[in-house]
Amino acid sequence: MGSSSGTTTSSNVQLVDERKMKRMVSNRESARRSRMRKQKHIFDLLTQVSMLRNENNRLVADISITMQHYGKVEAENSVLRARVVELGHRLESLNQIIAIMKQPVLADEPYGAEFIDELTYG
């Protein structure tokens, strides 16, 4: 019985050693796959960083161009607002002249046709 028990123990040890070897090979393969996934993930992240930097540079350039256009439009708008004020004053003056011209002129008034001519033709 001693020899059969020794053979069983020997085959049990051999079986345990085979299992350890299979587990070790499996763990190495799993670690290799894990490193590959990590490497791919890093590559994907670096690619994404590059794309985002390019997009950011494009957006910064677009913003710069837009700000230049905004400055030009703002300056033009300022000129147009000043022109509106100026034309409003001119219209008011012309309406006053028209109102004066519509008033009847009497011969004995101190301001006759000469005054109206002066207002009209400067």
PDB file of N, CA and C in Angstrom:
ATOM      1  N   MET A   1       0.804  -1.186   0.000  1.00  0.00           N
ATOM      2  CA  MET A   1       0.000   0.000   0.000  1.00  0.00           C
ATOM      3  C   MET A   1       0.840   1.239   0.000  1.00  0.00           C
ATOM      4  N   GLY A   2       2.033   1.099   0.563  1.00  0.00           N
ATOM      5  CA  GLY A   2       2.905   2.248   0.613  1.00  0.00           C
ATOM      6  C   GLY A   2       3.296   2.726  -0.745  1.00  0.00           C
ATOM      7  N   SER A   3       3.531   1.769  -1.680  1.00  0.00           N
ATOM      8  CA  SER A   3       3.948   2.171  -3.015  1.00  0.00           C
ATOM      9  C   SER A   3       2.809   2.801  -3.779  1.00  0.00           C
ATOM     10  N   SER A   4       1.602   2.323  -3.594  1.00  0.00           N
ATOM     11  CA  SER A   4       0.477   2.918  -4.304  1.00  0.00           C
ATOM     12  C   SER A   4       0.172   4.289  -3.743  1.00  0.00           C
ATOM     13  N   SER A   5       0.352   4.472  -2.447  1.00  0.00           N
ATOM     14  CA  SER A   5       0.138   5.776  -1.838  1.00  0.00           C
ATOM     15  C   SER A   5       1.194   6.754  -2.330  1.00  0.00           C
ATOM     16  N   GLY A   6       2.414   6.291  -2.506  1.00  0.00           N
ATOM     17  CA  GLY A   6       3.488   7.131  -3.031  1.00  0.00           C
ATOM     18  C   GLY A   6       3.234   7.510  -4.469  1.00  0.00           C
ATOM     19  N   THR A   7       2.692   6.641  -5.252  1.00  0.00           N
ATOM     20  CA  THR A   7       2.381   6.903  -6.650  1.00  0.00           C
ATOM     21  C   THR A   7       1.244   7.906  -6.733  1.00  0.00           C
ATOM     22  N   THR A   8       0.273   7.757  -5.858  1.00  0.00           N
ATOM     23  CA  THR A   8      -0.859   8.680  -5.846  1.00  0.00           C
ATOM     24  C   THR A   8      -0.388  10.063  -5.446  1.00  0.00           C
ATOM     25  N   THR A   9       0.463  10.120  -4.450  1.00  0.00           N
ATOM     26  CA  THR A   9       0.981  11.409  -4.005  1.00  0.00           C
ATOM     27  C   THR A   9       1.821  12.023  -5.099  1.00  0.00           C
ATOM     28  N   SER A  10       2.600  11.217  -5.757  1.00  0.00           N
ATOM     29  CA  SER A  10       3.436  11.701  -6.849  1.00  0.00           C
ATOM     30  C   SER A  10       2.573  12.203  -8.004  1.00  0.00           C
ATOM     31  N   SER A  11       1.530  11.496  -8.341  1.00  0.00           N
ATOM     32  CA  SER A  11       0.659  11.954  -9.423  1.00  0.00           C
ATOM     33  C   SER A  11      -0.146  13.174  -8.994  1.00  0.00           C
ATOM     34  N   ASN A  12      -0.481  13.257  -7.709  1.00  0.00           N
ATOM     35  CA  ASN A  12      -1.173  14.459  -7.201  1.00  0.00           C
ATOM     36  C   ASN A  12      -0.257  15.675  -7.297  1.00  0.00           C
ATOM     37  N   VAL A  13       0.988  15.502  -6.942  1.00  0.00           N
ATOM     38  CA  VAL A  13       1.969  16.589  -7.007  1.00  0.00           C
ATOM     39  C   VAL A  13       2.155  16.996  -8.457  1.00  0.00           C
ATOM     40  N   GLN A  14       2.245  16.002  -9.328  1.00  0.00           N
ATOM     41  CA  GLN A  14       2.409  16.293 -10.755  1.00  0.00           C
ATOM     42  C   GLN A  14       1.176  17.034 -11.283  1.00  0.00           C
ATOM     43  N   LEU A  15      -0.021  16.612 -10.843  1.00  0.00           N
ATOM     44  CA  LEU A  15      -1.261  17.270 -11.256  1.00  0.00           C
ATOM     45  C   LEU A  15      -1.296  18.716 -10.750  1.00  0.00           C
ATOM     46  N   VAL A  16      -0.890  18.939  -9.521  1.00  0.00           N
ATOM     47  CA  VAL A  16      -0.845  20.285  -8.944  1.00  0.00           C
ATOM     48  C   VAL A  16       0.170  21.125  -9.707  1.00  0.00           C
ATOM     49  N   ASP A  17       1.330  20.542 -10.042  1.00  0.00           N
ATOM     50  CA  ASP A  17       2.345  21.276 -10.800  1.00  0.00           C
ATOM     51  C   ASP A  17       1.826  21.660 -12.187  1.00  0.00           C
ATOM     52  N   GLU A  18       1.102  20.759 -12.829  1.00  0.00           N
ATOM     53  CA  GLU A  18       0.528  21.070 -14.151  1.00  0.00           C
ATOM     54  C   GLU A  18      -0.479  22.208 -14.045  1.00  0.00           C
ATOM     55  N   ARG A  19      -1.295  22.145 -13.005  1.00  0.00           N
ATOM     56  CA  ARG A  19      -2.279  23.220 -12.802  1.00  0.00           C
ATOM     57  C   ARG A  19      -1.571  24.561 -12.559  1.00  0.00           C
ATOM     58  N   LYS A  20      -0.516  24.538 -11.758  1.00  0.00           N
ATOM     59  CA  LYS A  20       0.247  25.769 -11.500  1.00  0.00           C
ATOM     60  C   LYS A  20       0.857  26.314 -12.789  1.00  0.00           C
ATOM     61  N   MET A  21       1.383  25.422 -13.614  1.00  0.00           N
ATOM     62  CA  MET A  21       1.985  25.842 -14.882  1.00  0.00           C
ATOM     63  C   MET A  21       0.916  26.441 -15.814  1.00  0.00           C
ATOM     64  N   LYS A  22      -0.237  25.769 -15.897  1.00  0.00           N
ATOM     65  CA  LYS A  22      -1.330  26.287 -16.740  1.00  0.00           C
ATOM     66  C   LYS A  22      -1.782  27.651 -16.233  1.00  0.00           C
ATOM     67  N   ARG A  23      -1.923  27.774 -14.896  1.00  0.00           N
ATOM     68  CA  ARG A  23      -2.335  29.055 -14.312  1.00  0.00           C
ATOM     69  C   ARG A  23      -1.286  30.128 -14.598  1.00  0.00           C
ATOM     70  N   MET A  24      -0.026  29.767 -14.486  1.00  0.00           N
ATOM     71  CA  MET A  24       1.063  30.718 -14.737  1.00  0.00           C
ATOM     72  C   MET A  24       1.042  31.173 -16.199  1.00  0.00           C
ATOM     73  N   VAL A  25       0.854  30.230 -17.118  1.00  0.00           N
ATOM     74  CA  VAL A  25       0.787  30.574 -18.544  1.00  0.00           C
ATOM     75  C   VAL A  25      -0.442  31.440 -18.810  1.00  0.00           C
ATOM     76  N   SER A  26      -1.552  31.053 -18.210  1.00  0.00           N
ATOM     77  CA  SER A  26      -2.792  31.822 -18.381  1.00  0.00           C
ATOM     78  C   SER A  26      -2.630  33.241 -17.832  1.00  0.00           C
ATOM     79  N   ASN A  27      -2.001  33.374 -16.647  1.00  0.00           N
ATOM     80  CA  ASN A  27      -1.778  34.697 -16.044  1.00  0.00           C
ATOM     81  C   ASN A  27      -0.858  35.548 -16.922  1.00  0.00           C
ATOM     82  N   ARG A  28       0.169  34.934 -17.480  1.00  0.00           N
ATOM     83  CA  ARG A  28       1.074  35.679 -18.365  1.00  0.00           C
ATOM     84  C   ARG A  28       0.332  36.173 -19.602  1.00  0.00           C
ATOM     85  N   GLU A  29      -0.486  35.292 -20.160  1.00  0.00           N
ATOM     86  CA  GLU A  29      -1.264  35.676 -21.355  1.00  0.00           C
ATOM     87  C   GLU A  29      -2.260  36.789 -21.012  1.00  0.00           C
ATOM     88  N   SER A  30      -2.897  36.674 -19.873  1.00  0.00           N
ATOM     89  CA  SER A  30      -3.835  37.710 -19.432  1.00  0.00           C
ATOM     90  C   SER A  30      -3.103  39.039 -19.225  1.00  0.00           C
ATOM     91  N   ALA A  31      -1.923  39.008 -18.621  1.00  0.00           N
ATOM     92  CA  ALA A  31      -1.128  40.221 -18.403  1.00  0.00           C
ATOM     93  C   ALA A  31      -0.710  40.831 -19.740  1.00  0.00           C
ATOM     94  N   ARG A  32      -0.345  39.957 -20.695  1.00  0.00           N
ATOM     95  CA  ARG A  32       0.031  40.451 -22.025  1.00  0.00           C
ATOM     96  C   ARG A  32      -1.154  41.148 -22.693  1.00  0.00           C
ATOM     97  N   ARG A  33      -2.339  40.533 -22.614  1.00  0.00           N
ATOM     98  CA  ARG A  33      -3.543  41.163 -23.195  1.00  0.00           C
ATOM     99  C   ARG A  33      -3.855  42.490 -22.504  1.00  0.00           C
ATOM    100  N   SER A  34      -3.682  42.505 -21.200  1.00  0.00           N
ATOM    101  CA  SER A  34      -3.917  43.727 -20.432  1.00  0.00           C
ATOM    102  C   SER A  34      -2.954  44.844 -20.866  1.00  0.00           C
ATOM    103  N   ARG A  35      -1.676  44.502 -21.051  1.00  0.00           N
ATOM    104  CA  ARG A  35      -0.702  45.498 -21.519  1.00  0.00           C
ATOM    105  C   ARG A  35      -1.061  45.997 -22.912  1.00  0.00           C
ATOM    106  N   MET A  36      -1.531  45.088 -23.773  1.00  0.00           N
ATOM    107  CA  MET A  36      -1.930  45.473 -25.139  1.00  0.00           C
ATOM    108  C   MET A  36      -3.130  46.428 -25.104  1.00  0.00           C
ATOM    109  N   ARG A  37      -4.120  46.095 -24.247  1.00  0.00           N
ATOM    110  CA  ARG A  37      -5.287  46.989 -24.116  1.00  0.00           C
ATOM    111  C   ARG A  37      -4.865  48.361 -23.602  1.00  0.00           C
ATOM    112  N   LYS A  38      -3.996  48.368 -22.613  1.00  0.00           N
ATOM    113  CA  LYS A  38      -3.500  49.628 -22.057  1.00  0.00           C
ATOM    114  C   LYS A  38      -2.760  50.435 -23.118  1.00  0.00           C
ATOM    115  N   GLN A  39      -1.913  49.766 -23.892  1.00  0.00           N
ATOM    116  CA  GLN A  39      -1.153  50.431 -24.953  1.00  0.00           C
ATOM    117  C   GLN A  39      -2.101  51.011 -25.998  1.00  0.00           C
ATOM    118  N   LYS A  40      -3.126  50.251 -26.383  1.00  0.00           N
ATOM    119  CA  LYS A  40      -4.102  50.746 -27.355  1.00  0.00           C
ATOM    120  C   LYS A  40      -4.868  51.937 -26.792  1.00  0.00           C
ATOM    121  N   HIS A  41      -5.249  51.853 -25.508  1.00  0.00           N
ATOM    122  CA  HIS A  41      -5.972  52.951 -24.863  1.00  0.00           C
ATOM    123  C   HIS A  41      -5.118  54.225 -24.855  1.00  0.00           C
ATOM    124  N   ILE A  42      -3.845  54.093 -24.531  1.00  0.00           N
ATOM    125  CA  ILE A  42      -2.937  55.253 -24.528  1.00  0.00           C
ATOM    126  C   ILE A  42      -2.809  55.823 -25.938  1.00  0.00           C
ATOM    127  N   PHE A  43      -2.674  54.939 -26.929  1.00  0.00           N
ATOM    128  CA  PHE A  43      -2.586  55.400 -28.318  1.00  0.00           C
ATOM    129  C   PHE A  43      -3.860  56.151 -28.709  1.00  0.00           C
ATOM    130  N   ASP A  44      -5.020  55.594 -28.345  1.00  0.00           N
ATOM    131  CA  ASP A  44      -6.296  56.257 -28.652  1.00  0.00           C
ATOM    132  C   ASP A  44      -6.390  57.620 -27.972  1.00  0.00           C
ATOM    133  N   LEU A  45      -5.946  57.693 -26.716  1.00  0.00           N
ATOM    134  CA  LEU A  45      -5.973  58.971 -25.993  1.00  0.00           C
ATOM    135  C   LEU A  45      -5.036  59.992 -26.642  1.00  0.00           C
ATOM    136  N   LEU A  46      -3.849  59.556 -27.047  1.00  0.00           N
ATOM    137  CA  LEU A  46      -2.911  60.473 -27.706  1.00  0.00           C
ATOM    138  C   LEU A  46      -3.472  60.966 -29.040  1.00  0.00           C
ATOM    139  N   THR A  47      -4.145  60.081 -29.763  1.00  0.00           N
ATOM    140  CA  THR A  47      -4.785  60.480 -31.015  1.00  0.00           C
ATOM    141  C   THR A  47      -5.873  61.512 -30.746  1.00  0.00           C
ATOM    142  N   GLN A  48      -6.654  61.263 -29.706  1.00  0.00           N
ATOM    143  CA  GLN A  48      -7.727  62.200 -29.342  1.00  0.00           C
ATOM    144  C   GLN A  48      -7.147  63.549 -28.919  1.00  0.00           C
ATOM    145  N   VAL A  49      -6.065  63.540 -28.155  1.00  0.00           N
ATOM    146  CA  VAL A  49      -5.410  64.788 -27.734  1.00  0.00           C
ATOM    147  C   VAL A  49      -4.969  65.579 -28.968  1.00  0.00           C
ATOM    148  N   SER A  50      -4.375  64.887 -29.912  1.00  0.00           N
ATOM    149  CA  SER A  50      -3.920  65.549 -31.138  1.00  0.00           C
ATOM    150  C   SER A  50      -5.093  66.169 -31.890  1.00  0.00           C
ATOM    151  N   MET A  51      -6.175  65.416 -32.023  1.00  0.00           N
ATOM    152  CA  MET A  51      -7.355  65.939 -32.731  1.00  0.00           C
ATOM    153  C   MET A  51      -7.942  67.139 -31.992  1.00  0.00           C
ATOM    154  N   LEU A  52      -8.026  67.055 -30.669  1.00  0.00           N
ATOM    155  CA  LEU A  52      -8.588  68.157 -29.884  1.00  0.00           C
ATOM    156  C   LEU A  52      -7.702  69.400 -29.947  1.00  0.00           C
ATOM    157  N   ARG A  53      -6.386  69.202 -29.968  1.00  0.00           N
ATOM    158  CA  ARG A  53      -5.484  70.360 -30.100  1.00  0.00           C
ATOM    159  C   ARG A  53      -5.670  71.033 -31.458  1.00  0.00           C
ATOM    160  N   ASN A  54      -5.797  70.220 -32.509  1.00  0.00           N
ATOM    161  CA  ASN A  54      -6.030  70.792 -33.838  1.00  0.00           C
ATOM    162  C   ASN A  54      -7.344  71.558 -33.881  1.00  0.00           C
ATOM    163  N   GLU A  55      -8.384  70.968 -33.306  1.00  0.00           N
ATOM    164  CA  GLU A  55      -9.681  71.649 -33.285  1.00  0.00           C
ATOM    165  C   GLU A  55      -9.611  72.925 -32.460  1.00  0.00           C
ATOM    166  N   ASN A  56      -8.892  72.872 -31.340  1.00  0.00           N
ATOM    167  CA  ASN A  56      -8.741  74.057 -30.501  1.00  0.00           C
ATOM    168  C   ASN A  56      -8.015  75.166 -31.265  1.00  0.00           C
ATOM    169  N   ASN A  57      -6.947  74.823 -31.980  1.00  0.00           N
ATOM    170  CA  ASN A  57      -6.217  75.821 -32.772  1.00  0.00           C
ATOM    171  C   ASN A  57      -7.123  76.438 -33.835  1.00  0.00           C
ATOM    172  N   ARG A  58      -7.935  75.598 -34.476  1.00  0.00           N
ATOM    173  CA  ARG A  58      -8.864  76.101 -35.494  1.00  0.00           C
ATOM    174  C   ARG A  58      -9.884  77.044 -34.858  1.00  0.00           C
ATOM    175  N   LEU A  59     -10.406  76.666 -33.690  1.00  0.00           N
ATOM    176  CA  LEU A  59     -11.394  77.512 -33.012  1.00  0.00           C
ATOM    177  C   LEU A  59     -10.776  78.842 -32.564  1.00  0.00           C
ATOM    178  N   VAL A  60      -9.541  78.804 -32.083  1.00  0.00           N
ATOM    179  CA  VAL A  60      -8.866  80.044 -31.677  1.00  0.00           C
ATOM    180  C   VAL A  60      -8.700  80.965 -32.890  1.00  0.00           C
ATOM    181  N   ALA A  61      -8.339  80.391 -34.029  1.00  0.00           N
ATOM    182  CA  ALA A  61      -8.199  81.191 -35.255  1.00  0.00           C
ATOM    183  C   ALA A  61      -9.559  81.753 -35.679  1.00  0.00           C
ATOM    184  N   ASP A  62     -10.608  80.931 -35.601  1.00  0.00           N
ATOM    185  CA  ASP A  62     -11.954  81.398 -35.954  1.00  0.00           C
ATOM    186  C   ASP A  62     -12.400  82.530 -35.035  1.00  0.00           C
ATOM    187  N   ILE A  63     -12.116  82.391 -33.752  1.00  0.00           N
ATOM    188  CA  ILE A  63     -12.491  83.436 -32.785  1.00  0.00           C
ATOM    189  C   ILE A  63     -11.741  84.724 -33.096  1.00  0.00           C
ATOM    190  N   SER A  64     -10.477  84.612 -33.437  1.00  0.00           N
ATOM    191  CA  SER A  64      -9.672  85.793 -33.758  1.00  0.00           C
ATOM    192  C   SER A  64     -10.257  86.523 -34.975  1.00  0.00           C
ATOM    193  N   ILE A  65     -10.591  85.764 -36.007  1.00  0.00           N
ATOM    194  CA  ILE A  65     -11.178  86.362 -37.208  1.00  0.00           C
ATOM    195  C   ILE A  65     -12.524  87.001 -36.870  1.00  0.00           C
ATOM    196  N   THR A  66     -13.329  86.303 -36.076  1.00  0.00           N
ATOM    197  CA  THR A  66     -14.638  86.824 -35.690  1.00  0.00           C
ATOM    198  C   THR A  66     -14.491  88.118 -34.888  1.00  0.00           C
ATOM    199  N   MET A  67     -13.512  88.161 -34.000  1.00  0.00           N
ATOM    200  CA  MET A  67     -13.299  89.374 -33.203  1.00  0.00           C
ATOM    201  C   MET A  67     -12.857  90.544 -34.095  1.00  0.00           C
ATOM    202  N   GLN A  68     -12.055  90.264 -35.113  1.00  0.00           N
ATOM    203  CA  GLN A  68     -11.651  91.318 -36.042  1.00  0.00           C
ATOM    204  C   GLN A  68     -12.880  91.848 -36.787  1.00  0.00           C
ATOM    205  N   HIS A  69     -13.725  90.930 -37.255  1.00  0.00           N
ATOM    206  CA  HIS A  69     -14.948  91.344 -37.947  1.00  0.00           C
ATOM    207  C   HIS A  69     -15.845  92.143 -37.000  1.00  0.00           C
ATOM    208  N   TYR A  70     -15.948  91.685 -35.767  1.00  0.00           N
ATOM    209  CA  TYR A  70     -16.764  92.384 -34.778  1.00  0.00           C
ATOM    210  C   TYR A  70     -16.253  93.807 -34.581  1.00  0.00           C
ATOM    211  N   GLY A  71     -14.931  93.973 -34.485  1.00  0.00           N
ATOM    212  CA  GLY A  71     -14.356  95.310 -34.317  1.00  0.00           C
ATOM    213  C   GLY A  71     -14.696  96.220 -35.486  1.00  0.00           C
ATOM    214  N   LYS A  72     -14.608  95.659 -36.706  1.00  0.00           N
ATOM    215  CA  LYS A  72     -14.946  96.456 -37.890  1.00  0.00           C
ATOM    216  C   LYS A  72     -16.427  96.832 -37.899  1.00  0.00           C
ATOM    217  N   VAL A  73     -17.280  95.880 -37.589  1.00  0.00           N
ATOM    218  CA  VAL A  73     -18.721  96.136 -37.588  1.00  0.00           C
ATOM    219  C   VAL A  73     -19.062  97.137 -36.488  1.00  0.00           C
ATOM    220  N   GLU A  74     -18.434  97.008 -35.337  1.00  0.00           N
ATOM    221  CA  GLU A  74     -18.690  97.940 -34.230  1.00  0.00           C
ATOM    222  C   GLU A  74     -18.285  99.362 -34.631  1.00  0.00           C
ATOM    223  N   ALA A  75     -17.140  99.508 -35.301  1.00  0.00           N
ATOM    224  CA  ALA A  75     -16.695 100.834 -35.745  1.00  0.00           C
ATOM    225  C   ALA A  75     -17.675 101.405 -36.778  1.00  0.00           C
ATOM    226  N   GLU A  76     -18.091 100.561 -37.716  1.00  0.00           N
ATOM    227  CA  GLU A  76     -19.045 101.004 -38.730  1.00  0.00           C
ATOM    228  C   GLU A  76     -20.379 101.380 -38.080  1.00  0.00           C
ATOM    229  N   ASN A  77     -20.792 100.602 -37.101  1.00  0.00           N
ATOM    230  CA  ASN A  77     -22.038 100.887 -36.392  1.00  0.00           C
ATOM    231  C   ASN A  77     -21.950 102.224 -35.663  1.00  0.00           C
ATOM    232  N   SER A  78     -20.807 102.510 -35.079  1.00  0.00           N
ATOM    233  CA  SER A  78     -20.604 103.777 -34.380  1.00  0.00           C
ATOM    234  C   SER A  78     -20.710 104.949 -35.362  1.00  0.00           C
ATOM    235  N   VAL A  79     -20.106 104.798 -36.538  1.00  0.00           N
ATOM    236  CA  VAL A  79     -20.181 105.845 -37.568  1.00  0.00           C
ATOM    237  C   VAL A  79     -21.632 106.038 -37.999  1.00  0.00           C
ATOM    238  N   LEU A  80     -22.340 104.941 -38.198  1.00  0.00           N
ATOM    239  CA  LEU A  80     -23.736 105.036 -38.635  1.00  0.00           C
ATOM    240  C   LEU A  80     -24.615 105.683 -37.561  1.00  0.00           C
ATOM    241  N   ARG A  81     -24.361 105.383 -36.300  1.00  0.00           N
ATOM    242  CA  ARG A  81     -25.145 106.023 -35.224  1.00  0.00           C
ATOM    243  C   ARG A  81     -24.906 107.528 -35.206  1.00  0.00           C
ATOM    244  N   ALA A  82     -23.644 107.922 -35.383  1.00  0.00           N
ATOM    245  CA  ALA A  82     -23.340 109.358 -35.432  1.00  0.00           C
ATOM    246  C   ALA A  82     -24.034 109.999 -36.623  1.00  0.00           C
ATOM    247  N   ARG A  83     -24.067 109.297 -37.725  1.00  0.00           N
ATOM    248  CA  ARG A  83     -24.731 109.805 -38.937  1.00  0.00           C
ATOM    249  C   ARG A  83     -26.236 109.952 -38.703  1.00  0.00           C
ATOM    250  N   VAL A  84     -26.835 109.005 -37.995  1.00  0.00           N
ATOM    251  CA  VAL A  84     -28.264 109.083 -37.668  1.00  0.00           C
ATOM    252  C   VAL A  84     -28.547 110.330 -36.839  1.00  0.00           C
ATOM    253  N   VAL A  85     -27.695 110.590 -35.848  1.00  0.00           N
ATOM    254  CA  VAL A  85     -27.874 111.780 -35.012  1.00  0.00           C
ATOM    255  C   VAL A  85     -27.747 113.033 -35.863  1.00  0.00           C
ATOM    256  N   GLU A  86     -26.710 113.064 -36.702  1.00  0.00           N
ATOM    257  CA  GLU A  86     -26.488 114.230 -37.571  1.00  0.00           C
ATOM    258  C   GLU A  86     -27.685 114.452 -38.500  1.00  0.00           C
ATOM    259  N   LEU A  87     -28.147 113.380 -39.131  1.00  0.00           N
ATOM    260  CA  LEU A  87     -29.282 113.511 -40.053  1.00  0.00           C
ATOM    261  C   LEU A  87     -30.552 113.885 -39.304  1.00  0.00           C
ATOM    262  N   GLY A  88     -30.695 113.420 -38.085  1.00  0.00           N
ATOM    263  CA  GLY A  88     -31.855 113.805 -37.267  1.00  0.00           C
ATOM    264  C   GLY A  88     -31.860 115.305 -36.995  1.00  0.00           C
ATOM    265  N   HIS A  89     -30.678 115.866 -36.689  1.00  0.00           N
ATOM    266  CA  HIS A  89     -30.568 117.316 -36.465  1.00  0.00           C
ATOM    267  C   HIS A  89     -30.884 118.090 -37.745  1.00  0.00           C
ATOM    268  N   ARG A  90     -30.364 117.592 -38.857  1.00  0.00           N
ATOM    269  CA  ARG A  90     -30.640 118.263 -40.139  1.00  0.00           C
ATOM    270  C   ARG A  90     -32.122 118.221 -40.462  1.00  0.00           C
ATOM    271  N   LEU A  91     -32.757 117.073 -40.224  1.00  0.00           N
ATOM    272  CA  LEU A  91     -34.195 116.950 -40.487  1.00  0.00           C
ATOM    273  C   LEU A  91     -34.990 117.897 -39.593  1.00  0.00           C
ATOM    274  N   GLU A  92     -34.596 117.988 -38.349  1.00  0.00           N
ATOM    275  CA  GLU A  92     -35.272 118.895 -37.423  1.00  0.00           C
ATOM    276  C   GLU A  92     -35.136 120.345 -37.903  1.00  0.00           C
ATOM    277  N   SER A  93     -33.939 120.712 -38.342  1.00  0.00           N
ATOM    278  CA  SER A  93     -33.724 122.072 -38.855  1.00  0.00           C
ATOM    279  C   SER A  93     -34.560 122.319 -40.104  1.00  0.00           C
ATOM    280  N   LEU A  94     -34.594 121.348 -40.997  1.00  0.00           N
ATOM    281  CA  LEU A  94     -35.391 121.516 -42.219  1.00  0.00           C
ATOM    282  C   LEU A  94     -36.877 121.601 -41.899  1.00  0.00           C
ATOM    283  N   ASN A  95     -37.341 120.836 -40.945  1.00  0.00           N
ATOM    284  CA  ASN A  95     -38.759 120.918 -40.545  1.00  0.00           C
ATOM    285  C   ASN A  95     -39.077 122.280 -39.941  1.00  0.00           C
ATOM    286  N   GLN A  96     -38.137 122.829 -39.195  1.00  0.00           N
ATOM    287  CA  GLN A  96     -38.345 124.177 -38.650  1.00  0.00           C
ATOM    288  C   GLN A  96     -38.429 125.211 -39.773  1.00  0.00           C
ATOM    289  N   ILE A  97     -37.557 125.078 -40.756  1.00  0.00           N
ATOM    290  CA  ILE A  97     -37.578 126.003 -41.896  1.00  0.00           C
ATOM    291  C   ILE A  97     -38.903 125.893 -42.630  1.00  0.00           C
ATOM    292  N   ILE A  98     -39.354 124.662 -42.851  1.00  0.00           N
ATOM    293  CA  ILE A  98     -40.638 124.458 -43.545  1.00  0.00           C
ATOM    294  C   ILE A  98     -41.765 125.075 -42.743  1.00  0.00           C
ATOM    295  N   ALA A  99     -41.741 124.919 -41.433  1.00  0.00           N
ATOM    296  CA  ALA A  99     -42.791 125.493 -40.583  1.00  0.00           C
ATOM    297  C   ALA A  99     -42.784 127.017 -40.691  1.00  0.00           C
ATOM    298  N   ILE A 100     -41.591 127.595 -40.708  1.00  0.00           N
ATOM    299  CA  ILE A 100     -41.495 129.059 -40.834  1.00  0.00           C
ATOM    300  C   ILE A 100     -42.002 129.505 -42.200  1.00  0.00           C
ATOM    301  N   MET A 101     -41.653 128.738 -43.228  1.00  0.00           N
ATOM    302  CA  MET A 101     -42.053 129.110 -44.582  1.00  0.00           C
ATOM    303  C   MET A 101     -43.568 129.008 -44.768  1.00  0.00           C
ATOM    304  N   LYS A 102     -44.216 128.145 -44.001  1.00  0.00           N
ATOM    305  CA  LYS A 102     -45.665 127.992 -44.124  1.00  0.00           C
ATOM    306  C   LYS A 102     -46.434 129.123 -43.439  1.00  0.00           C
ATOM    307  N   GLN A 103     -45.755 129.878 -42.578  1.00  0.00           N
ATOM    308  CA  GLN A 103     -46.425 130.985 -41.909  1.00  0.00           C
ATOM    309  C   GLN A 103     -46.626 132.128 -42.900  1.00  0.00           C
ATOM    310  N   PRO A 104     -47.770 132.768 -42.791  1.00  0.00           N
ATOM    311  CA  PRO A 104     -48.015 133.895 -43.719  1.00  0.00           C
ATOM    312  C   PRO A 104     -47.050 135.049 -43.415  1.00  0.00           C
ATOM    313  N   VAL A 105     -46.607 135.685 -44.475  1.00  0.00           N
ATOM    314  CA  VAL A 105     -45.692 136.810 -44.343  1.00  0.00           C
ATOM    315  C   VAL A 105     -46.484 138.094 -44.562  1.00  0.00           C
ATOM    316  N   LEU A 106     -46.446 138.942 -43.596  1.00  0.00           N
ATOM    317  CA  LEU A 106     -47.125 140.235 -43.705  1.00  0.00           C
ATOM    318  C   LEU A 106     -46.097 141.307 -44.044  1.00  0.00           C
ATOM    319  N   ALA A 107     -46.516 142.279 -44.806  1.00  0.00           N
ATOM    320  CA  ALA A 107     -45.598 143.313 -45.273  1.00  0.00           C
ATOM    321  C   ALA A 107     -45.061 144.154 -44.135  1.00  0.00           C
ATOM    322  N   ASP A 108     -45.846 144.300 -43.074  1.00  0.00           N
ATOM    323  CA  ASP A 108     -45.388 145.182 -42.010  1.00  0.00           C
ATOM    324  C   ASP A 108     -44.579 144.443 -40.935  1.00  0.00           C
ATOM    325  N   GLU A 109     -44.336 143.129 -41.087  1.00  0.00           N
ATOM    326  CA  GLU A 109     -43.518 142.390 -40.116  1.00  0.00           C
ATOM    327  C   GLU A 109     -42.049 142.732 -40.332  1.00  0.00           C
ATOM    328  N   PRO A 110     -41.282 142.742 -39.257  1.00  0.00           N
ATOM    329  CA  PRO A 110     -39.869 143.067 -39.402  1.00  0.00           C
ATOM    330  C   PRO A 110     -39.108 142.000 -40.184  1.00  0.00           C
ATOM    331  N   TYR A 111     -39.626 140.784 -40.212  1.00  0.00           N
ATOM    332  CA  TYR A 111     -38.959 139.723 -40.951  1.00  0.00           C
ATOM    333  C   TYR A 111     -39.820 139.374 -42.142  1.00  0.00           C
ATOM    334  N   GLY A 112     -39.390 139.774 -43.274  1.00  0.00           N
ATOM    335  CA  GLY A 112     -40.160 139.523 -44.481  1.00  0.00           C
ATOM    336  C   GLY A 112     -39.531 138.431 -45.304  1.00  0.00           C
ATOM    337  N   ALA A 113     -39.688 138.533 -46.611  1.00  0.00           N
ATOM    338  CA  ALA A 113     -39.209 137.529 -47.553  1.00  0.00           C
ATOM    339  C   ALA A 113     -37.685 137.430 -47.542  1.00  0.00           C
ATOM    340  N   GLU A 114     -37.004 138.529 -47.239  1.00  0.00           N
ATOM    341  CA  GLU A 114     -35.545 138.495 -47.201  1.00  0.00           C
ATOM    342  C   GLU A 114     -35.059 137.529 -46.110  1.00  0.00           C
ATOM    343  N   PHE A 115     -35.721 137.522 -44.962  1.00  0.00           N
ATOM    344  CA  PHE A 115     -35.352 136.638 -43.864  1.00  0.00           C
ATOM    345  C   PHE A 115     -35.546 135.173 -44.272  1.00  0.00           C
ATOM    346  N   ILE A 116     -36.621 134.882 -44.956  1.00  0.00           N
ATOM    347  CA  ILE A 116     -36.892 133.505 -45.399  1.00  0.00           C
ATOM    348  C   ILE A 116     -35.864 133.089 -46.438  1.00  0.00           C
ATOM    349  N   ASP A 117     -35.514 134.009 -47.343  1.00  0.00           N
ATOM    350  CA  ASP A 117     -34.486 133.683 -48.335  1.00  0.00           C
ATOM    351  C   ASP A 117     -33.165 133.368 -47.628  1.00  0.00           C
ATOM    352  N   GLU A 118     -32.862 134.119 -46.597  1.00  0.00           N
ATOM    353  CA  GLU A 118     -31.629 133.899 -45.884  1.00  0.00           C
ATOM    354  C   GLU A 118     -31.630 132.529 -45.190  1.00  0.00           C
ATOM    355  N   LEU A 119     -32.751 132.144 -44.600  1.00  0.00           N
ATOM    356  CA  LEU A 119     -32.865 130.841 -43.958  1.00  0.00           C
ATOM    357  C   LEU A 119     -32.759 129.713 -44.979  1.00  0.00           C
ATOM    358  N   THR A 120     -33.402 129.903 -46.109  1.00  0.00           N
ATOM    359  CA  THR A 120     -33.469 128.851 -47.120  1.00  0.00           C
ATOM    360  C   THR A 120     -32.129 128.680 -47.842  1.00  0.00           C
ATOM    361  N   TYR A 121     -31.517 129.749 -48.235  1.00  0.00           N
ATOM    362  CA  TYR A 121     -30.332 129.662 -49.081  1.00  0.00           C
ATOM    363  C   TYR A 121     -29.037 129.974 -48.326  1.00  0.00           C
ATOM    364  N   GLY A 122     -29.135 130.292 -47.079  1.00  0.00           N
ATOM    365  CA  GLY A 122     -27.977 130.488 -46.236  1.00  0.00           C
ATOM    366  C   GLY A 122     -27.242 131.694 -46.522  1.00  0.00           C
TER     367      GLY A 122
END
